[in-house]
Amino acid sequence: MAQVDLTSRRSAAVVAVKRLHTKAGRKDSQTFLIEGPQALREAFSHRADIRQVYVTSDAVARWAEIMQAARAAEVEITIVSDSVLEAMAETKSPQGWLATCRMEISTLEEIFSARPQVLVALDQVSDPGNVGTIIRTADAAGANAVLLTGESVDPFNGKCVRASAGSIFHLPVVPELSVEQLVAVARQQGTGIAVTSATGECDLFEWLDSAPVMNPTMWVFGSEAHGVSAELYEAADVRVRIPIHGAAESLNIASAVAVCLYADVDRRRARLT
């Protein structure tokens, strides 16, 4: 492990890190950015593949346990000035910590080999804040993975990573899948496809009351503007709607995910106890 100092905003290291602000830069290097002490703490706790840590002297003193974790992991550490960290970061207040992390993307085969019971698939969902919140919600509800079609936002986008509050390190998140891939592997593995839609023929809670508890389910959610693609809608085993009891037109997608996943996990646990 090396520890060096960096004070120039024009250094090659700053340029390299700033490339990770873009999807092309992340894809080319298979690396993404982590900002802030909480995200670093979660990354080290779950043994994420941290490549480089940049930290200010003040942050080292304030969060000594993260520095100890970085040293224990033998990660290269660079002490930077506040000015350099500001130049590297996407946020205005990264709280003195920034790191680069290798993407660890599971294949569908790896995910299904673990016999998942609950999966979340996002189709054409473009808002990074929503996707990050959904990853966090899926983690909290005990889902086994979050799968995204190629038309959805990059889940390693900085805003998405921050909105996940560390959950992106807790469960597999797979981007850029085709609808054909999702449908084919679900069919092959005997996983039901449940599409959520305002025009769904089944009430969510009525369907869950009668659905076999042991059947694995892939919950599919589309963008708030356009819903799921016609291909996924047609391929669904069931299309459910969340009942709206007030005057609201609909739920935010992250809220809809929370309702569906917690209703599902609650009935699974209730019937197995």
Protein backbone atom coordinates (compact mmCIF):
# COMPACT_ATOMS: atom_id res chain seq x y z
CA MET A 1 0.00 0.00 0.00
CA ALA A 2 1.29 3.46 -0.91
CA GLN A 3 0.29 6.77 0.62
CA VAL A 4 1.06 9.90 -1.37
CA ASP A 5 0.01 13.55 -1.35
CA LEU A 6 -1.79 15.32 -4.20
CA THR A 7 -2.38 19.06 -4.39
CA SER A 8 -2.73 19.84 -8.11
CA ARG A 9 -6.22 20.07 -9.62
CA ARG A 10 -4.64 19.51 -13.05
CA SER A 11 -2.97 16.21 -12.24
CA ALA A 12 -3.52 13.05 -14.29
CA ALA A 13 -5.23 11.47 -11.28
CA VAL A 14 -7.86 14.21 -11.20
CA VAL A 15 -8.49 13.84 -14.93
CA ALA A 16 -8.84 10.05 -14.59
CA VAL A 17 -11.29 10.32 -11.72
CA LYS A 18 -13.39 12.93 -13.51
CA ARG A 19 -13.77 10.54 -16.46
CA LEU A 20 -15.79 8.35 -14.09
CA HIS A 21 -18.44 11.07 -14.00
CA THR A 22 -19.47 9.79 -17.44
CA LYS A 23 -21.06 6.49 -18.42
CA ALA A 24 -18.44 5.98 -21.14
CA GLY A 25 -15.62 6.49 -18.65
CA ARG A 26 -17.13 4.04 -16.20
CA LYS A 27 -17.79 1.46 -18.89
CA ASP A 28 -14.31 1.70 -20.40
CA SER A 29 -12.58 1.25 -17.05
CA GLN A 30 -15.23 -0.95 -15.39
CA THR A 31 -14.82 1.38 -12.42
CA PHE A 32 -17.14 3.78 -10.61
CA LEU A 33 -16.92 6.44 -7.92
CA ILE A 34 -17.86 6.25 -4.26
CA GLU A 35 -18.21 9.49 -2.31
CA GLY A 36 -18.54 10.12 1.41
CA PRO A 37 -17.65 8.22 4.58
CA GLN A 38 -20.84 6.16 4.83
CA ALA A 39 -20.46 4.76 1.32
CA LEU A 40 -16.78 3.95 1.96
CA ARG A 41 -17.66 2.25 5.23
CA GLU A 42 -20.25 0.04 3.50
CA ALA A 43 -17.87 -0.74 0.64
CA PHE A 44 -15.10 -1.91 2.95
CA SER A 45 -17.55 -3.77 5.18
CA HIS A 46 -18.79 -5.81 2.21
CA ARG A 47 -15.33 -6.26 0.69
CA ALA A 48 -15.98 -4.30 -2.47
CA ASP A 49 -13.03 -4.11 -4.85
CA ILE A 50 -11.76 -0.66 -3.89
CA ARG A 51 -8.92 0.45 -6.15
CA GLN A 52 -7.92 3.88 -4.88
CA VAL A 53 -8.87 6.08 -1.93
CA TYR A 54 -8.57 9.87 -1.95
CA VAL A 55 -9.00 11.58 1.39
CA THR A 56 -8.30 14.92 3.03
CA SER A 57 -6.20 15.22 6.18
CA ASP A 58 -9.19 16.45 8.16
CA ALA A 59 -11.26 13.44 7.09
CA VAL A 60 -8.49 11.04 8.14
CA ALA A 61 -8.60 12.49 11.64
CA ARG A 62 -12.40 12.44 11.80
CA TRP A 63 -12.96 8.92 10.44
CA ALA A 64 -9.92 6.97 11.56
CA GLU A 65 -11.77 3.63 11.31
CA ILE A 66 -12.21 4.04 7.55
CA MET A 67 -8.52 4.78 7.18
CA GLN A 68 -7.76 1.63 9.16
CA ALA A 69 -10.05 -0.37 6.86
CA ALA A 70 -8.31 1.02 3.78
CA ARG A 71 -4.89 0.14 5.17
CA ALA A 72 -6.05 -3.33 6.16
CA ALA A 73 -7.30 -3.87 2.60
CA GLU A 74 -3.95 -2.65 1.27
CA VAL A 75 -5.62 -0.06 -0.92
CA GLU A 76 -3.56 2.77 -2.33
CA ILE A 77 -4.31 5.94 -0.37
CA THR A 78 -3.76 9.48 -1.63
CA ILE A 79 -3.98 12.45 0.73
CA VAL A 80 -5.50 15.34 -1.21
CA SER A 81 -6.24 18.97 -0.57
CA ASP A 82 -9.84 20.15 -0.21
CA SER A 83 -9.48 21.83 -3.60
CA VAL A 84 -8.40 18.62 -5.33
CA LEU A 85 -11.22 16.59 -3.76
CA GLU A 86 -13.74 19.20 -4.90
CA ALA A 87 -12.35 18.91 -8.45
CA MET A 88 -12.70 15.12 -8.37
CA ALA A 89 -16.12 14.83 -6.74
CA GLU A 90 -19.55 15.03 -8.34
CA THR A 91 -21.09 16.48 -5.18
CA LYS A 92 -20.28 19.76 -3.48
CA SER A 93 -19.83 18.08 -0.10
CA PRO A 94 -18.10 14.68 -0.37
CA GLN A 95 -17.12 14.97 3.33
CA GLY A 96 -13.46 14.40 2.64
CA TRP A 97 -13.67 10.89 1.13
CA LEU A 98 -13.71 9.60 -2.43
CA ALA A 99 -12.75 6.22 -3.87
CA THR A 100 -12.72 4.32 -7.13
CA CYS A 101 -14.29 0.87 -7.09
CA ARG A 102 -14.24 -1.96 -9.58
CA MET A 103 -17.65 -2.99 -10.93
CA GLU A 104 -18.51 -6.53 -9.92
CA ILE A 105 -21.41 -7.49 -12.18
CA SER A 106 -22.95 -10.93 -11.81
CA THR A 107 -24.31 -12.84 -14.77
CA LEU A 108 -27.92 -13.95 -14.91
CA GLU A 109 -26.69 -17.53 -14.69
CA GLU A 110 -24.89 -16.79 -11.41
CA ILE A 111 -27.93 -15.06 -9.97
CA PHE A 112 -30.36 -17.82 -10.88
CA SER A 113 -28.00 -20.56 -9.73
CA ALA A 114 -28.58 -19.25 -6.20
CA ARG A 115 -32.32 -20.02 -6.57
CA PRO A 116 -33.65 -16.49 -6.00
CA GLN A 117 -37.18 -16.05 -4.72
CA VAL A 118 -37.69 -12.33 -5.38
CA LEU A 119 -36.10 -10.32 -8.18
CA VAL A 120 -36.65 -6.71 -9.25
CA ALA A 121 -36.45 -5.85 -12.95
CA LEU A 122 -36.48 -2.22 -14.10
CA ASP A 123 -37.41 -1.48 -17.69
CA GLN A 124 -36.68 1.92 -19.23
CA VAL A 125 -36.33 3.58 -15.82
CA SER A 126 -34.17 6.64 -16.40
CA ASP A 127 -34.06 8.59 -13.13
CA PRO A 128 -30.88 7.75 -11.16
CA GLY A 129 -32.32 8.89 -7.84
CA ASN A 130 -35.28 6.56 -8.25
CA VAL A 131 -33.06 3.64 -9.29
CA GLY A 132 -30.75 4.16 -6.31
CA THR A 133 -33.73 4.29 -3.96
CA ILE A 134 -35.14 1.13 -5.54
CA ILE A 135 -31.83 -0.70 -5.00
CA ARG A 136 -31.95 0.38 -1.35
CA THR A 137 -35.59 -0.74 -1.04
CA ALA A 138 -34.91 -4.09 -2.73
CA ASP A 139 -32.04 -4.66 -0.30
CA ALA A 140 -34.19 -3.78 2.70
CA ALA A 141 -37.02 -6.05 1.58
CA GLY A 142 -34.69 -8.99 1.03
CA ALA A 143 -34.86 -9.17 -2.78
CA ASN A 144 -32.11 -11.21 -4.38
CA ALA A 145 -31.05 -8.89 -7.21
CA VAL A 146 -31.95 -5.80 -9.23
CA LEU A 147 -31.90 -6.24 -13.02
CA LEU A 148 -32.04 -3.35 -15.49
CA THR A 149 -32.79 -3.32 -19.19
CA GLY A 150 -30.41 -1.50 -21.51
CA GLU A 151 -32.83 1.43 -21.82
CA SER A 152 -32.55 2.14 -18.07
CA VAL A 153 -30.06 4.46 -16.40
CA ASP A 154 -26.58 3.24 -15.51
CA PRO A 155 -26.90 2.08 -11.86
CA PHE A 156 -23.25 3.05 -11.29
CA ASN A 157 -24.12 6.67 -12.00
CA GLY A 158 -22.95 8.76 -9.04
CA LYS A 159 -26.42 9.94 -8.06
CA CYS A 160 -27.70 6.37 -8.17
CA VAL A 161 -24.82 5.06 -6.05
CA ARG A 162 -25.42 7.77 -3.46
CA ALA A 163 -29.20 7.18 -3.40
CA SER A 164 -28.60 3.48 -2.77
CA ALA A 165 -27.00 4.41 0.58
CA GLY A 166 -24.55 1.52 0.37
CA SER A 167 -27.05 -1.08 -0.81
CA ILE A 168 -25.37 -1.30 -4.21
CA PHE A 169 -22.67 -3.29 -2.39
CA HIS A 170 -25.16 -5.66 -0.73
CA LEU A 171 -26.92 -7.37 -3.62
CA PRO A 172 -26.25 -8.02 -7.32
CA VAL A 173 -27.17 -5.14 -9.64
CA VAL A 174 -27.01 -6.03 -13.33
CA PRO A 175 -27.32 -3.34 -16.04
CA GLU A 176 -27.87 -3.38 -19.80
CA LEU A 177 -29.92 -6.56 -20.08
CA SER A 178 -32.23 -7.15 -23.00
CA VAL A 179 -35.91 -7.89 -22.56
CA GLU A 180 -35.30 -11.13 -24.44
CA GLN A 181 -32.66 -12.17 -21.88
CA LEU A 182 -34.94 -11.45 -18.94
CA VAL A 183 -37.91 -13.32 -20.38
CA ALA A 184 -35.84 -16.30 -21.57
CA VAL A 185 -34.06 -16.90 -18.27
CA ALA A 186 -37.27 -16.43 -16.25
CA ARG A 187 -39.01 -19.02 -18.41
CA GLN A 188 -36.06 -21.41 -18.24
CA GLN A 189 -35.81 -21.16 -14.46
CA GLY A 190 -39.53 -21.33 -13.71
CA THR A 191 -39.69 -17.78 -12.37
CA GLY A 192 -43.01 -15.98 -12.69
CA ILE A 193 -43.04 -12.55 -14.33
CA ALA A 194 -45.26 -10.06 -12.50
CA VAL A 195 -45.59 -6.74 -14.33
CA THR A 196 -46.95 -3.75 -12.46
CA SER A 197 -49.25 -1.53 -14.49
CA ALA A 198 -52.08 0.90 -13.94
CA THR A 199 -54.03 -1.20 -16.43
CA GLY A 200 -53.25 -4.52 -14.74
CA GLU A 201 -56.17 -6.93 -14.62
CA CYS A 202 -55.41 -8.07 -11.03
CA ASP A 203 -55.42 -6.15 -7.78
CA LEU A 204 -51.95 -6.57 -6.22
CA PHE A 205 -53.18 -7.73 -2.82
CA GLU A 206 -55.89 -10.02 -4.16
CA TRP A 207 -53.35 -11.71 -6.42
CA LEU A 208 -50.83 -12.14 -3.62
CA ASP A 209 -53.50 -13.74 -1.44
CA SER A 210 -53.85 -16.57 -3.95
CA ALA A 211 -50.36 -16.78 -5.51
CA PRO A 212 -48.31 -19.88 -4.53
CA VAL A 213 -45.93 -18.77 -1.80
CA MET A 214 -42.98 -20.88 -2.93
CA ASN A 215 -43.01 -19.68 -6.53
CA PRO A 216 -40.09 -17.35 -7.36
CA THR A 217 -41.19 -14.01 -8.81
CA MET A 218 -39.54 -11.38 -10.95
CA TRP A 219 -41.30 -8.08 -10.30
CA VAL A 220 -41.12 -5.81 -13.34
CA PHE A 221 -41.49 -2.02 -13.12
CA GLY A 222 -41.42 0.44 -16.01
CA SER A 223 -40.84 4.17 -16.21
CA GLU A 224 -43.53 6.43 -14.80
CA ALA A 225 -43.90 8.10 -18.20
CA HIS A 226 -44.12 5.03 -20.45
CA GLY A 227 -44.53 1.93 -18.29
CA VAL A 228 -42.92 -1.35 -19.31
CA SER A 229 -42.20 -2.25 -22.91
CA ALA A 230 -44.87 -4.02 -24.94
CA GLU A 231 -42.65 -7.12 -25.05
CA LEU A 232 -42.47 -7.43 -21.26
CA TYR A 233 -46.14 -6.58 -20.85
CA GLU A 234 -47.13 -9.36 -23.21
CA ALA A 235 -44.66 -11.84 -21.69
CA ALA A 236 -45.97 -11.35 -18.14
CA ASP A 237 -47.60 -14.22 -16.29
CA VAL A 238 -49.65 -11.65 -14.40
CA ARG A 239 -50.19 -7.90 -14.66
CA VAL A 240 -51.05 -6.31 -11.34
CA ARG A 241 -52.20 -2.87 -10.34
CA ILE A 242 -51.67 -1.20 -6.98
CA PRO A 243 -55.05 0.06 -5.73
CA ILE A 244 -55.30 3.84 -5.30
CA HIS A 245 -57.73 4.71 -2.52
CA GLY A 246 -57.28 8.47 -2.56
CA ALA A 247 -57.20 11.13 -5.27
CA ALA A 248 -53.59 10.57 -6.36
CA GLU A 249 -53.21 9.56 -9.99
CA SER A 250 -50.44 7.06 -9.23
CA LEU A 251 -47.46 6.22 -7.02
CA ASN A 252 -43.86 7.18 -7.58
CA ILE A 253 -42.02 4.14 -8.95
CA ALA A 254 -39.83 3.77 -5.86
CA SER A 255 -42.95 3.79 -3.68
CA ALA A 256 -44.60 1.22 -5.94
CA VAL A 257 -41.57 -1.05 -5.62
CA ALA A 258 -41.70 -0.75 -1.82
CA VAL A 259 -45.41 -1.63 -1.72
CA CYS A 260 -45.02 -4.69 -3.95
CA LEU A 261 -41.88 -6.09 -2.35
CA TYR A 262 -43.01 -5.69 1.24
CA ALA A 263 -46.45 -7.09 0.47
CA ASP A 264 -44.74 -10.08 -1.18
CA VAL A 265 -42.22 -10.73 1.59
CA ASP A 266 -44.89 -10.30 4.26
CA ARG A 267 -47.17 -12.94 2.77
CA ARG A 268 -44.25 -15.32 2.15
CA ARG A 269 -43.17 -15.10 5.77
CA ALA A 270 -46.71 -15.29 7.10
CA ARG A 271 -47.45 -18.51 5.20
CA LEU A 272 -44.15 -20.15 6.11
CA THR A 273 -44.45 -19.61 9.86
